[in-house]
Amino acid sequence: MTGETPDEGDITFVTRGVTAAEIAAVTAVLTAALAETAADRAVGSRRGPSAWQRSQRPLRSPLTPGNGAWRSFAG
């Protein structure tokens, strides 16, 4: 790619001495990340709340002391 201007999809390594194995590893990781992002966007609109959102419960209402507010188990 010497003398050419990089396209939008090209990866440019600024570090010198990058091996072919390192280039392959970086390319594989970036390709997988892009594929995962594209899949998330495609499914995201059809998906309901995440497991994290489902596990969150609303806080209970505040306890207010007073007549009849506290009940005992002794009856």
C-alpha atoms as a PDB file:
ATOM      1  CA  MET A   1       0.000   0.000   0.000  1.00  0.00           C
ATOM      2  CA  THR A   2       2.952   2.323  -0.418  1.00  0.00           C
ATOM      3  CA  GLY A   3       2.131   5.483  -2.306  1.00  0.00           C
ATOM      4  CA  GLU A   4      -1.617   4.901  -2.012  1.00  0.00           C
ATOM      5  CA  THR A   5      -4.075   6.693   0.207  1.00  0.00           C
ATOM      6  CA  PRO A   6      -5.877   4.312   2.550  1.00  0.00           C
ATOM      7  CA  ASP A   7      -9.553   3.638   1.960  1.00  0.00           C
ATOM      8  CA  GLU A   8     -12.080   4.013   4.728  1.00  0.00           C
ATOM      9  CA  GLY A   9     -12.035   0.255   5.469  1.00  0.00           C
ATOM     10  CA  ASP A  10      -8.243  -0.140   5.445  1.00  0.00           C
ATOM     11  CA  ILE A  11      -6.239  -0.741   8.601  1.00  0.00           C
ATOM     12  CA  THR A  12      -3.045   1.260   8.916  1.00  0.00           C
ATOM     13  CA  PHE A  13      -0.335   0.093  11.315  1.00  0.00           C
ATOM     14  CA  VAL A  14       1.790   2.942  12.582  1.00  0.00           C
ATOM     15  CA  THR A  15       4.149   0.705  14.562  1.00  0.00           C
ATOM     16  CA  ARG A  16       7.083  -0.620  12.580  1.00  0.00           C
ATOM     17  CA  GLY A  17       8.004  -4.270  12.441  1.00  0.00           C
ATOM     18  CA  VAL A  18       4.490  -5.676  12.729  1.00  0.00           C
ATOM     19  CA  THR A  19       4.529  -9.379  11.882  1.00  0.00           C
ATOM     20  CA  ALA A  20       2.043 -11.127   9.638  1.00  0.00           C
ATOM     21  CA  ALA A  21       0.688 -13.036  12.651  1.00  0.00           C
ATOM     22  CA  GLU A  22       0.057  -9.776  14.523  1.00  0.00           C
ATOM     23  CA  ILE A  23      -1.711  -8.292  11.507  1.00  0.00           C
ATOM     24  CA  ALA A  24      -3.876 -11.407  11.231  1.00  0.00           C
ATOM     25  CA  ALA A  25      -4.727 -11.293  14.947  1.00  0.00           C
ATOM     26  CA  VAL A  26      -5.708  -7.619  14.890  1.00  0.00           C
ATOM     27  CA  THR A  27      -7.744  -8.111  11.731  1.00  0.00           C
ATOM     28  CA  ALA A  28      -9.581 -11.107  13.235  1.00  0.00           C
ATOM     29  CA  VAL A  29     -10.418  -9.253  16.453  1.00  0.00           C
ATOM     30  CA  LEU A  30     -11.653  -6.140  14.638  1.00  0.00           C
ATOM     31  CA  THR A  31     -13.691  -8.182  12.155  1.00  0.00           C
ATOM     32  CA  ALA A  32     -15.355 -10.113  14.995  1.00  0.00           C
ATOM     33  CA  ALA A  33     -16.091  -6.907  16.908  1.00  0.00           C
ATOM     34  CA  LEU A  34     -17.669  -5.304  13.847  1.00  0.00           C
ATOM     35  CA  ALA A  35     -19.757  -8.407  13.150  1.00  0.00           C
ATOM     36  CA  GLU A  36     -20.959  -8.490  16.768  1.00  0.00           C
ATOM     37  CA  THR A  37     -21.874  -4.809  16.673  1.00  0.00           C
ATOM     38  CA  ALA A  38     -23.799  -5.269  13.424  1.00  0.00           C
ATOM     39  CA  ALA A  39     -25.658  -8.266  14.874  1.00  0.00           C
ATOM     40  CA  ASP A  40     -26.520  -6.335  18.043  1.00  0.00           C
ATOM     41  CA  ARG A  41     -27.921  -3.472  16.001  1.00  0.00           C
ATOM     42  CA  ALA A  42     -30.010  -5.827  13.868  1.00  0.00           C
ATOM     43  CA  VAL A  43     -31.424  -7.683  16.866  1.00  0.00           C
ATOM     44  CA  GLY A  44     -31.516  -4.725  19.261  1.00  0.00           C
ATOM     45  CA  SER A  45     -34.812  -3.334  18.048  1.00  0.00           C
ATOM     46  CA  ARG A  46     -36.571  -6.703  18.427  1.00  0.00           C
ATOM     47  CA  ARG A  47     -35.059  -7.589  21.774  1.00  0.00           C
ATOM     48  CA  GLY A  48     -36.737  -6.990  25.128  1.00  0.00           C
ATOM     49  CA  PRO A  49     -35.011  -5.883  28.311  1.00  0.00           C
ATOM     50  CA  SER A  50     -31.603  -7.385  29.011  1.00  0.00           C
ATOM     51  CA  ALA A  51     -30.999  -9.890  31.799  1.00  0.00           C
ATOM     52  CA  TRP A  52     -29.428  -7.080  33.806  1.00  0.00           C
ATOM     53  CA  GLN A  53     -32.523  -4.907  33.420  1.00  0.00           C
ATOM     54  CA  ARG A  54     -34.860  -7.804  34.293  1.00  0.00           C
ATOM     55  CA  SER A  55     -32.911  -8.594  37.463  1.00  0.00           C
ATOM     56  CA  GLN A  56     -33.322  -5.091  38.839  1.00  0.00           C
ATOM     57  CA  ARG A  57     -36.304  -4.799  41.141  1.00  0.00           C
ATOM     58  CA  PRO A  58     -37.858  -1.532  42.172  1.00  0.00           C
ATOM     59  CA  LEU A  59     -37.059  -0.341  45.664  1.00  0.00           C
ATOM     60  CA  ARG A  60     -39.676  -1.084  48.282  1.00  0.00           C
ATOM     61  CA  SER A  61     -41.851   1.690  49.563  1.00  0.00           C
ATOM     62  CA  PRO A  62     -40.631   3.416  52.721  1.00  0.00           C
ATOM     63  CA  LEU A  63     -41.639   1.945  56.079  1.00  0.00           C
ATOM     64  CA  THR A  64     -43.733   4.325  58.128  1.00  0.00           C
ATOM     65  CA  PRO A  65     -44.164   3.659  61.841  1.00  0.00           C
ATOM     66  CA  GLY A  66     -47.503   4.355  63.459  1.00  0.00           C
ATOM     67  CA  ASN A  67     -50.740   2.803  64.665  1.00  0.00           C
ATOM     68  CA  GLY A  68     -51.527  -0.280  62.605  1.00  0.00           C
ATOM     69  CA  ALA A  69     -48.471   0.122  60.434  1.00  0.00           C
ATOM     70  CA  TRP A  70     -46.522  -2.628  62.179  1.00  0.00           C
ATOM     71  CA  ARG A  71     -48.061  -6.030  62.607  1.00  0.00           C
ATOM     72  CA  SER A  72     -46.689  -8.655  64.925  1.00  0.00           C
ATOM     73  CA  PHE A  73     -46.510 -12.357  64.287  1.00  0.00           C
ATOM     74  CA  ALA A  74     -47.856 -13.136  67.784  1.00  0.00           C
ATOM     75  CA  GLY A  75     -51.357 -12.025  66.791  1.00  0.00           C
END
